[in-house]
């Protein structure tokens, strides 16, 4: 009887781990998706995308950052993967941060 309980508990733990691996969100942000997200932001800000630097992808695949230097602006864009809602973007304007608003 004790052996049956151990097998049952072990099986339940195994099934829970398998279910978690399928149901848990994972990061799958590609550089292309991140660039498209930043390009849309550039379009809204009327900035030329040719001044956007290459992507810097986090090893986890959850974030991707870009530097923008042109048209008198120096910006940093960070794209975060949100498996539920899609990519989120944060912008850091170096001039505003260093010189004030």
Protein backbone atom coordinates (compact mmCIF):
# COMPACT_ATOMS: atom_id res chain seq x y z
CA UNK A 1 0.00 0.00 0.00
CA UNK A 2 2.84 2.41 0.88
CA UNK A 3 4.48 1.76 -2.51
CA UNK A 4 1.22 2.55 -4.30
CA UNK A 5 1.00 5.91 -2.48
CA UNK A 6 4.58 6.78 -3.49
CA UNK A 7 3.90 5.88 -7.13
CA UNK A 8 0.67 7.91 -7.08
CA UNK A 9 2.37 11.00 -5.59
CA UNK A 10 5.31 10.68 -8.00
CA UNK A 11 2.93 10.38 -10.95
CA UNK A 12 0.92 13.40 -9.80
CA UNK A 13 4.09 15.48 -9.49
CA UNK A 14 5.22 14.37 -12.96
CA UNK A 15 1.88 15.26 -14.53
CA UNK A 16 1.91 18.65 -12.77
CA UNK A 17 5.40 19.43 -14.12
CA UNK A 18 4.42 18.46 -17.66
CA UNK A 19 1.24 20.57 -17.47
CA UNK A 20 3.21 23.53 -16.10
CA UNK A 21 5.71 23.35 -18.97
CA UNK A 22 2.87 23.56 -21.50
CA UNK A 23 0.78 26.17 -19.70
CA UNK A 24 3.43 28.54 -18.35
CA UNK A 25 4.23 31.56 -20.49
CA UNK A 26 7.58 31.51 -22.20
CA UNK A 27 9.55 34.26 -23.85
CA UNK A 28 9.73 34.04 -27.61
CA UNK A 29 10.52 37.61 -28.64
CA UNK A 30 12.38 37.60 -31.93
CA UNK A 31 14.62 40.46 -33.08
CA UNK A 32 12.30 40.91 -36.07
CA UNK A 33 9.21 41.30 -33.89
CA UNK A 34 11.09 43.69 -31.60
CA UNK A 35 12.29 45.76 -34.58
CA UNK A 36 8.75 45.93 -35.98
CA UNK A 37 7.49 47.14 -32.60
CA UNK A 38 10.17 49.85 -32.46
CA UNK A 39 9.60 50.83 -36.10
CA UNK A 40 5.93 51.41 -35.32
CA UNK A 41 6.94 53.66 -32.42
CA UNK A 42 9.36 55.53 -34.70
CA UNK A 43 6.60 56.02 -37.25
CA UNK A 44 4.31 57.49 -34.58
CA UNK A 45 7.11 59.85 -33.49
CA UNK A 46 7.94 60.79 -37.12
CA UNK A 47 11.51 59.50 -36.76
CA UNK A 48 13.56 57.94 -39.55
CA UNK A 49 14.15 54.19 -38.89
CA UNK A 50 17.52 54.22 -40.70
CA UNK A 51 19.09 55.69 -37.53
CA UNK A 52 18.04 52.67 -35.49
CA UNK A 53 20.96 50.50 -34.40
CA UNK A 54 21.13 46.71 -34.41
CA UNK A 55 19.19 44.71 -31.84
CA UNK A 56 20.73 43.68 -28.54
CA UNK A 57 18.86 40.53 -27.50
CA UNK A 58 18.81 39.37 -23.89
CA UNK A 59 19.99 35.78 -23.45
CA UNK A 60 16.59 34.80 -22.03
CA UNK A 61 14.83 35.97 -25.19
CA UNK A 62 12.51 38.16 -23.10
CA UNK A 63 13.96 41.58 -23.94
CA UNK A 64 15.50 43.26 -26.93
CA UNK A 65 16.96 46.77 -26.96
CA UNK A 66 17.86 49.25 -29.67
CA UNK A 67 19.74 52.53 -29.74
CA UNK A 68 18.53 55.37 -31.93
CA UNK A 69 20.87 58.21 -32.81
CA UNK A 70 19.74 60.66 -35.46
CA UNK A 71 17.61 63.67 -36.25
CA UNK A 72 19.04 65.36 -33.15
CA UNK A 73 17.72 62.61 -30.86
CA UNK A 74 19.40 59.92 -28.80
CA UNK A 75 16.96 57.29 -27.62
CA UNK A 76 17.02 53.81 -26.16
CA UNK A 77 14.16 51.45 -26.88
CA UNK A 78 13.59 48.33 -24.81
CA UNK A 79 11.03 45.81 -26.00
CA UNK A 80 9.76 43.37 -23.37
CA UNK A 81 8.01 40.14 -24.24
CA UNK A 82 4.61 39.79 -22.62
CA UNK A 83 3.30 36.36 -23.65
CA UNK A 84 -0.26 37.30 -22.71
CA UNK A 85 -0.57 40.83 -24.14
CA UNK A 86 2.19 41.01 -26.76
CA UNK A 87 5.39 43.05 -26.82
CA UNK A 88 5.64 46.14 -24.62
CA UNK A 89 8.00 49.01 -25.39
CA UNK A 90 9.81 51.46 -23.12
CA UNK A 91 11.65 54.51 -24.39
CA UNK A 92 14.49 56.34 -22.69
CA UNK A 93 15.29 59.79 -24.07
CA UNK A 94 18.88 60.47 -23.04
CA UNK A 95 18.62 64.25 -23.44
CA UNK A 96 15.54 64.50 -21.23
CA UNK A 97 17.05 62.25 -18.60
CA UNK A 98 20.39 64.09 -18.50
CA UNK A 99 19.17 67.66 -18.98
CA UNK A 100 15.69 67.56 -17.50
CA UNK A 101 12.34 67.90 -19.31
